[in-house]
């Protein structure tokens, strides 16, 4: 990473989700990107999907996390959402400054 490159909170998760969507994978990160898709698109993020996205990505994410580990699913779900919001807010701040 160069010194001028800024790392945003949650960026790693969003980048993984974008990559997974473009490859046709329905990972928790991909579902998270679908949850944030309207806001992310307004911020200039291109979201391409190989497969038809689920109608309710929020429910799909929760179910996926529940299958992975039923204990603490609510906390994990909320942590994913907080990371998405942190990324979106940080990106909005960059756009406002530009």
Protein backbone atom coordinates (compact mmCIF):
# COMPACT_ATOMS: atom_id res chain seq x y z
CA UNK A 1 0.00 0.00 0.00
CA UNK A 2 1.40 3.38 -0.97
CA UNK A 3 1.54 6.25 1.50
CA UNK A 4 -1.09 8.17 -0.46
CA UNK A 5 -3.55 5.26 -0.55
CA UNK A 6 -6.18 5.55 2.16
CA UNK A 7 -7.59 2.43 3.77
CA UNK A 8 -11.23 2.89 4.76
CA UNK A 9 -12.89 1.01 7.62
CA UNK A 10 -14.67 -2.04 6.25
CA UNK A 11 -12.99 -1.67 2.86
CA UNK A 12 -11.55 -5.19 2.98
CA UNK A 13 -14.99 -6.68 3.48
CA UNK A 14 -16.59 -4.60 0.73
CA UNK A 15 -13.79 -5.44 -1.73
CA UNK A 16 -14.15 -9.15 -0.94
CA UNK A 17 -17.92 -8.88 -1.44
CA UNK A 18 -17.50 -7.15 -4.80
CA UNK A 19 -15.05 -9.82 -5.93
CA UNK A 20 -17.30 -12.65 -4.74
CA UNK A 21 -20.33 -11.16 -6.52
CA UNK A 22 -18.43 -10.79 -9.78
CA UNK A 23 -17.39 -14.46 -9.51
CA UNK A 24 -20.91 -15.66 -8.71
CA UNK A 25 -20.30 -16.51 -5.03
CA UNK A 26 -22.92 -15.80 -2.39
CA UNK A 27 -20.63 -15.19 0.57
CA UNK A 28 -21.50 -13.14 3.65
CA UNK A 29 -19.37 -10.32 2.21
CA UNK A 30 -21.23 -10.50 -1.12
CA UNK A 31 -24.59 -10.36 0.65
CA UNK A 32 -23.39 -7.38 2.65
CA UNK A 33 -22.51 -5.52 -0.55
CA UNK A 34 -25.99 -6.29 -1.89
CA UNK A 35 -27.49 -4.82 1.28
CA UNK A 36 -25.54 -1.63 0.73
CA UNK A 37 -25.85 -1.64 -3.06
CA UNK A 38 -28.14 1.40 -3.47
CA UNK A 39 -25.91 3.65 -1.36
CA UNK A 40 -22.69 2.17 -2.75
CA UNK A 41 -23.86 2.78 -6.31
CA UNK A 42 -24.68 6.41 -5.46
CA UNK A 43 -21.09 6.67 -4.22
CA UNK A 44 -19.74 5.43 -7.55
CA UNK A 45 -19.12 1.77 -6.75
CA UNK A 46 -19.84 -0.55 -9.67
CA UNK A 47 -21.53 -3.74 -8.55
CA UNK A 48 -21.67 -6.59 -11.01
CA UNK A 49 -23.29 -9.91 -10.24
CA UNK A 50 -23.11 -13.15 -12.17
CA UNK A 51 -26.15 -14.62 -10.45
CA UNK A 52 -29.55 -13.18 -9.67
CA UNK A 53 -29.28 -11.53 -6.25
CA UNK A 54 -31.63 -12.63 -3.48
CA UNK A 55 -34.76 -10.56 -3.05
CA UNK A 56 -33.93 -9.87 0.61
CA UNK A 57 -30.16 -9.89 1.08
CA UNK A 58 -30.59 -8.91 4.75
CA UNK A 59 -32.43 -12.17 5.44
CA UNK A 60 -29.99 -14.16 3.32
CA UNK A 61 -27.01 -12.74 5.25
CA UNK A 62 -28.62 -13.53 8.58
CA UNK A 63 -29.43 -17.09 7.48
CA UNK A 64 -25.92 -17.61 6.12
CA UNK A 65 -24.35 -16.43 9.37
CA UNK A 66 -26.77 -18.60 11.34
CA UNK A 67 -25.77 -21.68 9.38
CA UNK A 68 -22.06 -20.91 9.91
CA UNK A 69 -22.50 -20.44 13.67
CA UNK A 70 -25.95 -20.30 15.29
CA UNK A 71 -24.59 -18.90 18.54
CA UNK A 72 -24.00 -15.20 18.41
CA UNK A 73 -25.56 -14.78 14.97
CA UNK A 74 -27.30 -11.56 15.94
CA UNK A 75 -24.03 -10.00 17.13
CA UNK A 76 -22.17 -11.11 14.01
CA UNK A 77 -24.92 -9.78 11.75
CA UNK A 78 -24.84 -6.41 13.51
CA UNK A 79 -21.04 -6.31 13.26
CA UNK A 80 -21.23 -6.86 9.50
CA UNK A 81 -23.78 -4.07 9.14
CA UNK A 82 -21.67 -1.70 11.26
CA UNK A 83 -18.65 -2.34 9.04
CA UNK A 84 -20.70 -1.60 5.92
CA UNK A 85 -22.00 1.64 7.41
CA UNK A 86 -18.51 2.67 8.47
CA UNK A 87 -17.25 2.14 4.94
CA UNK A 88 -20.14 4.04 3.38
CA UNK A 89 -19.73 6.99 5.77
CA UNK A 90 -15.98 7.18 5.20
CA UNK A 91 -16.48 7.09 1.43
CA UNK A 92 -19.10 9.83 1.70
CA UNK A 93 -16.62 11.98 3.61
CA UNK A 94 -14.07 11.56 0.82
CA UNK A 95 -16.67 12.54 -1.79
CA UNK A 96 -17.65 15.64 0.20
CA UNK A 97 -14.02 16.78 0.40
CA UNK A 98 -13.44 16.28 -3.32
